[in-house]
């Protein structure tokens, strides 16, 4: 019933920018937490940025000031603008929509690869 599709990943040079998109379809009105995660090879998946159920944003310390999460409710789409990219940002980025009360109700996209390299 719910599908999330990420797009916008690719290869970018250090210092460059990239914008990721997560388009949602299906019944998502109960999914009030929207976030971006990433997983680099050999590392745990980590939260990058999210909208809480109240609409406030949270960012990983490593991306504060450089990444911005936004959304277009009319399009059921969440974005992640990534600026001043560093090689450490290389990872597969995943979109996740979740219910803030029932933790097990959540959906993942398929992921999109971001590679920051010269």
Protein backbone atom coordinates (compact mmCIF):
# COMPACT_ATOMS: atom_id res chain seq x y z
CA UNK A 1 0.00 0.00 0.00
CA UNK A 2 2.91 2.34 0.63
CA UNK A 3 5.82 2.78 -1.70
CA UNK A 4 8.76 5.13 -1.37
CA UNK A 5 11.04 5.79 -4.31
CA UNK A 6 14.30 7.68 -3.92
CA UNK A 7 16.04 9.43 -6.76
CA UNK A 8 18.72 12.01 -7.36
CA UNK A 9 21.80 10.13 -6.29
CA UNK A 10 24.95 10.01 -8.32
CA UNK A 11 28.59 10.94 -8.48
CA UNK A 12 29.62 14.38 -7.31
CA UNK A 13 32.94 16.04 -6.55
CA UNK A 14 33.87 17.14 -3.04
CA UNK A 15 32.32 20.51 -2.32
CA UNK A 16 29.53 19.89 -4.77
CA UNK A 17 25.81 19.64 -4.21
CA UNK A 18 23.11 17.09 -4.80
CA UNK A 19 19.39 16.96 -4.13
CA UNK A 20 17.69 13.69 -3.29
CA UNK A 21 13.98 13.12 -3.68
CA UNK A 22 11.67 10.63 -2.03
CA UNK A 23 8.28 10.26 -3.66
CA UNK A 24 5.62 8.46 -1.64
CA UNK A 25 2.50 6.75 -2.87
CA UNK A 26 -0.29 4.95 -1.07
CA UNK A 27 -1.90 5.59 2.29
CA UNK A 28 0.65 7.61 4.20
CA UNK A 29 -1.42 9.89 6.42
CA UNK A 30 -0.56 7.89 9.55
CA UNK A 31 3.16 8.13 8.79
CA UNK A 32 4.08 11.34 10.54
CA UNK A 33 7.83 10.96 10.77
CA UNK A 34 9.79 11.37 7.57
CA UNK A 35 13.51 10.96 7.43
CA UNK A 36 16.63 10.29 5.46
CA UNK A 37 19.13 7.64 6.49
CA UNK A 38 22.39 6.54 4.98
CA UNK A 39 24.55 3.48 5.13
CA UNK A 40 28.17 3.41 4.08
CA UNK A 41 30.00 0.14 3.40
CA UNK A 42 30.83 -1.64 6.64
CA UNK A 43 28.90 0.83 8.77
CA UNK A 44 25.55 0.92 10.48
CA UNK A 45 22.65 2.75 8.94
CA UNK A 46 22.40 6.19 10.50
CA UNK A 47 19.87 8.96 10.62
CA UNK A 48 20.85 11.94 8.51
CA UNK A 49 17.83 14.22 8.78
CA UNK A 50 14.18 13.94 9.65
CA UNK A 51 10.89 15.68 10.17
CA UNK A 52 9.36 14.83 13.52
CA UNK A 53 5.64 14.36 13.97
CA UNK A 54 5.41 18.00 14.99
CA UNK A 55 7.16 19.21 11.88
CA UNK A 56 10.45 20.15 13.47
CA UNK A 57 13.68 18.99 11.90
CA UNK A 58 16.63 17.08 13.28
CA UNK A 59 20.03 16.58 11.70
CA UNK A 60 23.03 14.47 12.36
CA UNK A 61 25.84 16.58 13.76
CA UNK A 62 28.00 15.66 10.81
CA UNK A 63 25.67 17.34 8.31
CA UNK A 64 24.32 20.31 10.23
CA UNK A 65 24.60 23.52 8.28
CA UNK A 66 25.19 21.70 5.00
CA UNK A 67 22.15 19.46 4.50
CA UNK A 68 18.53 20.57 4.46
CA UNK A 69 15.44 18.39 4.58
CA UNK A 70 12.27 19.76 3.02
CA UNK A 71 8.95 18.49 1.76
CA UNK A 72 6.19 19.18 -0.68
CA UNK A 73 3.01 17.83 0.86
CA UNK A 74 1.01 18.30 -2.32
CA UNK A 75 3.40 15.96 -4.11
CA UNK A 76 3.95 13.61 -1.17
CA UNK A 77 7.64 14.15 -1.66
CA UNK A 78 10.51 14.70 0.76
CA UNK A 79 13.81 16.16 -0.34
CA UNK A 80 17.32 16.24 0.99
CA UNK A 81 19.47 19.09 -0.28
CA UNK A 82 23.12 18.25 0.26
CA UNK A 83 25.68 21.01 -0.06
CA UNK A 84 29.42 21.17 0.53
CA UNK A 85 29.61 17.43 0.12
CA UNK A 86 32.50 15.54 1.63
CA UNK A 87 33.81 12.09 0.72
CA UNK A 88 32.49 10.85 4.07
CA UNK A 89 28.99 11.39 2.72
CA UNK A 90 29.45 8.50 0.30
CA UNK A 91 26.72 6.01 1.11
CA UNK A 92 23.41 4.60 0.03
CA UNK A 93 20.72 7.02 1.12
CA UNK A 94 17.32 5.73 2.15
CA UNK A 95 14.02 7.44 2.75
CA UNK A 96 11.88 6.28 5.66
CA UNK A 97 8.32 7.15 6.63
CA UNK A 98 7.21 6.00 10.07
CA UNK A 99 4.43 6.20 12.61
CA UNK A 100 5.68 8.14 15.61
CA UNK A 101 3.63 6.11 18.10
CA UNK A 102 3.88 2.59 16.69
CA UNK A 103 7.54 2.14 15.92
CA UNK A 104 7.12 -1.00 13.85
CA UNK A 105 4.98 0.78 11.28
CA UNK A 106 7.53 2.15 8.86
CA UNK A 107 8.50 1.92 5.23
CA UNK A 108 11.79 2.14 3.41
CA UNK A 109 12.65 3.13 -0.09
CA UNK A 110 15.06 1.12 -2.20
CA UNK A 111 17.91 3.54 -1.66
CA UNK A 112 19.93 5.75 -3.95
CA UNK A 113 23.71 5.74 -4.18
CA UNK A 114 25.63 8.93 -3.47
CA UNK A 115 29.33 8.94 -4.23
CA UNK A 116 31.51 11.93 -3.38
CA UNK A 117 34.86 11.58 -5.08
CA UNK A 118 37.40 13.48 -7.12
